[in-house]
Amino acid sequence: RYPHATKIFVNGVWVGIHQDPKHLVNQVLDTRRKSYLQYEVSLIREIRDQEFKIFSDAGRVMRPVFTVQQEDDPETGINKGHLVLTKDLVNRLAKEQAEPPEDP
């Protein structure tokens, strides 16, 4: 009935279909980036098989996450195609964490 629909699975259970998987995946990714979903949740879109899989079960293996800047950002100075998280930024965050908070 819906030949181009993508099947949606949560922890291996088929829960439904979606007509616009690209939009759905972007929305779910954005939700995870804003921490509404835990960062451990795995999101897998298999275009060839027309499936979108969401895994949140225990024992998930994590791998490092690299976020690439999608557009030039003059505010941060990060150019399109470069990593968002750099050693300099990590060092700066660590330094801020180590400093005592300022009194107002």
N, C-alpha and C. Protein backbone atom coordinates (compact mmCIF):
# COMPACT_ATOMS: atom_id res chain seq x y z
N ARG A 1 0.81 -1.19 0.00
CA ARG A 1 0.00 0.00 0.00
C ARG A 1 0.86 1.26 0.00
N TYR A 2 2.00 1.23 0.71
CA TYR A 2 2.94 2.34 0.74
C TYR A 2 4.31 1.83 0.32
N PRO A 3 4.56 1.72 -0.97
CA PRO A 3 5.80 1.08 -1.44
C PRO A 3 7.07 1.85 -1.10
N HIS A 4 6.98 3.15 -0.86
CA HIS A 4 8.19 3.93 -0.58
C HIS A 4 8.32 4.29 0.90
N ALA A 5 7.44 3.76 1.73
CA ALA A 5 7.50 4.06 3.16
C ALA A 5 8.66 3.32 3.81
N THR A 6 9.18 3.91 4.87
CA THR A 6 10.28 3.31 5.62
C THR A 6 9.72 2.70 6.90
N LYS A 7 10.14 1.48 7.19
CA LYS A 7 9.72 0.80 8.42
C LYS A 7 10.52 1.36 9.59
N ILE A 8 9.84 1.57 10.71
CA ILE A 8 10.47 2.08 11.92
C ILE A 8 10.51 0.96 12.96
N PHE A 9 11.72 0.71 13.49
CA PHE A 9 11.92 -0.32 14.51
C PHE A 9 12.46 0.33 15.77
N VAL A 10 11.96 -0.10 16.93
CA VAL A 10 12.50 0.33 18.21
C VAL A 10 12.92 -0.93 18.97
N ASN A 11 14.21 -1.03 19.25
CA ASN A 11 14.78 -2.20 19.92
C ASN A 11 14.38 -3.50 19.23
N GLY A 12 14.37 -3.48 17.90
CA GLY A 12 14.09 -4.68 17.12
C GLY A 12 12.63 -4.96 16.85
N VAL A 13 11.73 -4.17 17.41
CA VAL A 13 10.29 -4.38 17.23
C VAL A 13 9.77 -3.36 16.21
N TRP A 14 9.08 -3.86 15.18
CA TRP A 14 8.51 -2.98 14.17
C TRP A 14 7.34 -2.23 14.78
N VAL A 15 7.44 -0.88 14.83
CA VAL A 15 6.41 -0.07 15.47
C VAL A 15 5.59 0.75 14.49
N GLY A 16 6.02 0.84 13.22
CA GLY A 16 5.24 1.60 12.26
C GLY A 16 6.03 1.92 11.01
N ILE A 17 5.46 2.83 10.21
CA ILE A 17 6.10 3.27 8.97
C ILE A 17 6.06 4.79 8.91
N HIS A 18 6.90 5.35 8.04
CA HIS A 18 6.92 6.81 7.87
C HIS A 18 7.15 7.11 6.39
N GLN A 19 6.44 8.12 5.88
CA GLN A 19 6.53 8.47 4.46
C GLN A 19 7.74 9.35 4.14
N ASP A 20 8.25 10.07 5.13
CA ASP A 20 9.37 10.99 4.90
C ASP A 20 10.50 10.67 5.88
N PRO A 21 11.24 9.59 5.62
CA PRO A 21 12.25 9.15 6.58
C PRO A 21 13.39 10.15 6.79
N LYS A 22 13.75 10.89 5.76
CA LYS A 22 14.83 11.87 5.90
C LYS A 22 14.44 12.91 6.95
N HIS A 23 13.22 13.40 6.88
CA HIS A 23 12.73 14.37 7.85
C HIS A 23 12.67 13.75 9.25
N LEU A 24 12.17 12.53 9.34
CA LEU A 24 12.06 11.85 10.63
C LEU A 24 13.44 11.67 11.27
N VAL A 25 14.40 11.19 10.49
CA VAL A 25 15.75 10.97 11.02
C VAL A 25 16.34 12.29 11.50
N ASN A 26 16.18 13.35 10.73
CA ASN A 26 16.70 14.66 11.14
C ASN A 26 16.05 15.14 12.44
N GLN A 27 14.75 14.92 12.58
CA GLN A 27 14.05 15.32 13.79
C GLN A 27 14.54 14.54 15.00
N VAL A 28 14.71 13.22 14.83
CA VAL A 28 15.17 12.38 15.95
C VAL A 28 16.61 12.73 16.31
N LEU A 29 17.46 12.96 15.30
CA LEU A 29 18.84 13.37 15.57
C LEU A 29 18.87 14.69 16.34
N ASP A 30 18.05 15.64 15.93
CA ASP A 30 17.98 16.93 16.61
C ASP A 30 17.50 16.76 18.04
N THR A 31 16.55 15.87 18.24
CA THR A 31 16.04 15.58 19.58
C THR A 31 17.14 15.02 20.47
N ARG A 32 17.96 14.13 19.91
CA ARG A 32 19.06 13.55 20.68
C ARG A 32 20.13 14.61 20.96
N ARG A 33 20.43 15.45 19.99
CA ARG A 33 21.44 16.50 20.19
C ARG A 33 21.03 17.50 21.26
N LYS A 34 19.73 17.72 21.41
CA LYS A 34 19.23 18.63 22.44
C LYS A 34 19.05 17.94 23.78
N SER A 35 19.47 16.68 23.87
CA SER A 35 19.45 15.88 25.10
C SER A 35 18.05 15.51 25.58
N TYR A 36 17.07 15.53 24.68
CA TYR A 36 15.76 15.00 25.04
C TYR A 36 15.80 13.48 24.99
N LEU A 37 16.66 12.94 24.15
CA LEU A 37 16.96 11.51 24.11
C LEU A 37 18.35 11.34 24.67
N GLN A 38 18.58 10.25 25.38
CA GLN A 38 19.92 10.00 25.90
C GLN A 38 20.89 9.78 24.76
N TYR A 39 22.13 10.21 24.97
CA TYR A 39 23.13 10.11 23.91
C TYR A 39 23.48 8.66 23.58
N GLU A 40 23.16 7.71 24.48
CA GLU A 40 23.46 6.30 24.23
C GLU A 40 22.53 5.68 23.19
N VAL A 41 21.43 6.34 22.89
CA VAL A 41 20.46 5.80 21.93
C VAL A 41 21.10 5.75 20.55
N SER A 42 21.06 4.57 19.93
CA SER A 42 21.63 4.39 18.59
C SER A 42 20.55 4.61 17.54
N LEU A 43 20.90 5.36 16.50
CA LEU A 43 19.98 5.63 15.40
C LEU A 43 20.62 5.14 14.12
N ILE A 44 19.94 4.25 13.42
CA ILE A 44 20.49 3.67 12.20
C ILE A 44 19.45 3.76 11.09
N ARG A 45 19.80 4.46 10.02
CA ARG A 45 18.91 4.51 8.85
C ARG A 45 19.53 3.67 7.74
N GLU A 46 18.81 2.66 7.33
CA GLU A 46 19.26 1.80 6.24
C GLU A 46 18.41 2.13 5.02
N ILE A 47 18.95 2.97 4.16
CA ILE A 47 18.21 3.47 3.00
C ILE A 47 17.84 2.34 2.06
N ARG A 48 18.80 1.47 1.78
CA ARG A 48 18.56 0.38 0.83
C ARG A 48 17.42 -0.53 1.29
N ASP A 49 17.39 -0.83 2.60
CA ASP A 49 16.35 -1.72 3.14
C ASP A 49 15.09 -0.96 3.55
N GLN A 50 15.09 0.36 3.40
CA GLN A 50 13.98 1.22 3.80
C GLN A 50 13.59 0.97 5.26
N GLU A 51 14.59 1.08 6.14
CA GLU A 51 14.37 0.86 7.57
C GLU A 51 15.08 1.94 8.38
N PHE A 52 14.45 2.33 9.48
CA PHE A 52 15.05 3.23 10.46
C PHE A 52 14.97 2.52 11.80
N LYS A 53 16.13 2.28 12.40
CA LYS A 53 16.20 1.50 13.64
C LYS A 53 16.68 2.37 14.78
N ILE A 54 15.96 2.28 15.89
CA ILE A 54 16.30 3.01 17.11
C ILE A 54 16.56 1.97 18.19
N PHE A 55 17.76 2.03 18.79
CA PHE A 55 18.11 1.07 19.83
C PHE A 55 18.44 1.83 21.12
N SER A 56 17.76 1.44 22.20
CA SER A 56 18.02 2.05 23.50
C SER A 56 18.19 1.00 24.59
N ASP A 57 18.32 -0.27 24.18
CA ASP A 57 18.42 -1.34 25.15
C ASP A 57 19.77 -1.32 25.87
N ALA A 58 19.85 -2.03 26.99
CA ALA A 58 21.06 -2.05 27.82
C ALA A 58 22.21 -2.72 27.09
N GLY A 59 23.43 -2.34 27.47
CA GLY A 59 24.61 -2.97 26.92
C GLY A 59 25.03 -2.46 25.56
N ARG A 60 24.60 -1.27 25.19
CA ARG A 60 24.96 -0.71 23.89
C ARG A 60 26.43 -0.34 23.87
N VAL A 61 27.10 -0.72 22.82
CA VAL A 61 28.50 -0.35 22.64
C VAL A 61 28.55 1.06 22.07
N MET A 62 29.37 1.91 22.67
CA MET A 62 29.47 3.29 22.21
C MET A 62 30.75 3.48 21.41
N ARG A 63 30.71 4.35 20.44
CA ARG A 63 31.91 4.72 19.71
C ARG A 63 32.04 6.24 19.78
N PRO A 64 33.22 6.75 19.54
CA PRO A 64 33.36 8.21 19.61
C PRO A 64 32.45 8.91 18.61
N VAL A 65 31.97 10.06 19.01
CA VAL A 65 31.09 10.84 18.14
C VAL A 65 31.87 12.04 17.62
N PHE A 66 31.83 12.23 16.33
CA PHE A 66 32.47 13.37 15.71
C PHE A 66 31.39 14.17 14.99
N THR A 67 31.21 15.42 15.38
CA THR A 67 30.23 16.27 14.74
C THR A 67 30.98 17.22 13.80
N VAL A 68 30.54 17.25 12.55
CA VAL A 68 31.17 18.09 11.54
C VAL A 68 30.29 19.31 11.30
N GLN A 69 30.92 20.48 11.28
CA GLN A 69 30.20 21.74 11.06
C GLN A 69 29.58 21.72 9.67
N GLN A 70 28.28 22.02 9.58
CA GLN A 70 27.56 21.98 8.32
C GLN A 70 27.65 23.28 7.53
N GLU A 71 27.90 24.40 8.23
CA GLU A 71 28.02 25.71 7.58
C GLU A 71 29.10 26.51 8.31
N ASP A 72 29.68 27.49 7.64
CA ASP A 72 30.64 28.38 8.30
C ASP A 72 29.94 29.08 9.46
N ASP A 73 30.60 29.14 10.62
CA ASP A 73 30.03 29.79 11.79
C ASP A 73 30.99 30.88 12.26
N PRO A 74 30.72 32.14 11.87
CA PRO A 74 31.63 33.22 12.25
C PRO A 74 31.70 33.44 13.76
N GLU A 75 30.64 33.07 14.47
CA GLU A 75 30.61 33.26 15.92
C GLU A 75 31.65 32.39 16.63
N THR A 76 31.78 31.14 16.20
CA THR A 76 32.74 30.23 16.82
C THR A 76 34.04 30.14 16.04
N GLY A 77 34.01 30.58 14.78
CA GLY A 77 35.20 30.50 13.94
C GLY A 77 35.41 29.13 13.31
N ILE A 78 34.41 28.27 13.42
CA ILE A 78 34.51 26.92 12.85
C ILE A 78 33.98 26.96 11.42
N ASN A 79 34.79 26.50 10.49
CA ASN A 79 34.40 26.51 9.08
C ASN A 79 33.68 25.23 8.70
N LYS A 80 32.89 25.31 7.65
CA LYS A 80 32.15 24.16 7.13
C LYS A 80 33.12 23.01 6.84
N GLY A 81 32.73 21.81 7.28
CA GLY A 81 33.53 20.62 7.02
C GLY A 81 34.56 20.31 8.09
N HIS A 82 34.71 21.18 9.09
CA HIS A 82 35.67 20.95 10.16
C HIS A 82 34.97 20.36 11.39
N LEU A 83 35.75 19.68 12.23
CA LEU A 83 35.20 19.11 13.45
C LEU A 83 34.77 20.21 14.40
N VAL A 84 33.62 20.01 15.05
CA VAL A 84 33.11 20.98 16.01
C VAL A 84 33.90 20.88 17.32
N LEU A 85 34.19 19.67 17.75
CA LEU A 85 34.91 19.45 19.00
C LEU A 85 36.40 19.30 18.70
N THR A 86 37.18 20.27 19.11
CA THR A 86 38.62 20.26 18.86
C THR A 86 39.36 20.12 20.18
N LYS A 87 40.65 19.81 20.11
CA LYS A 87 41.47 19.70 21.33
C LYS A 87 41.47 21.03 22.08
N ASP A 88 41.53 22.12 21.34
CA ASP A 88 41.53 23.45 21.97
C ASP A 88 40.25 23.67 22.77
N LEU A 89 39.12 23.31 22.19
CA LEU A 89 37.84 23.46 22.89
C LEU A 89 37.77 22.56 24.12
N VAL A 90 38.23 21.32 24.00
CA VAL A 90 38.25 20.40 25.14
C VAL A 90 39.11 20.97 26.26
N ASN A 91 40.29 21.48 25.91
CA ASN A 91 41.18 22.07 26.92
C ASN A 91 40.55 23.29 27.59
N ARG A 92 39.87 24.12 26.79
CA ARG A 92 39.20 25.30 27.33
C ARG A 92 38.08 24.89 28.29
N LEU A 93 37.29 23.88 27.92
CA LEU A 93 36.21 23.41 28.79
C LEU A 93 36.76 22.83 30.08
N ALA A 94 37.86 22.07 29.99
CA ALA A 94 38.49 21.49 31.18
C ALA A 94 38.99 22.59 32.11
N LYS A 95 39.57 23.65 31.53
CA LYS A 95 40.06 24.77 32.33
C LYS A 95 38.91 25.47 33.04
N GLU A 96 37.80 25.67 32.33
CA GLU A 96 36.62 26.32 32.94
C GLU A 96 36.06 25.47 34.07
N GLN A 97 36.08 24.16 33.90
CA GLN A 97 35.58 23.25 34.94
C GLN A 97 36.45 23.32 36.19
N ALA A 98 37.76 23.49 36.00
CA ALA A 98 38.71 23.49 37.12
C ALA A 98 38.68 24.81 37.90
N GLU A 99 38.28 25.90 37.25
CA GLU A 99 38.26 27.20 37.92
C GLU A 99 37.09 27.29 38.88
N PRO A 100 37.30 27.95 40.03
CA PRO A 100 36.17 28.15 40.96
C PRO A 100 35.16 29.13 40.36
N PRO A 101 33.88 28.96 40.68
CA PRO A 101 32.87 29.87 40.12
C PRO A 101 33.05 31.29 40.65
N GLU A 102 32.73 32.25 39.80
CA GLU A 102 32.83 33.66 40.21
C GLU A 102 31.60 34.05 41.02
N ASP A 103 31.82 34.87 42.06
CA ASP A 103 30.70 35.38 42.84
C ASP A 103 30.12 36.59 42.14
N PRO A 104 28.79 36.71 42.11
CA PRO A 104 28.16 37.86 41.43
C PRO A 104 28.34 39.15 42.15
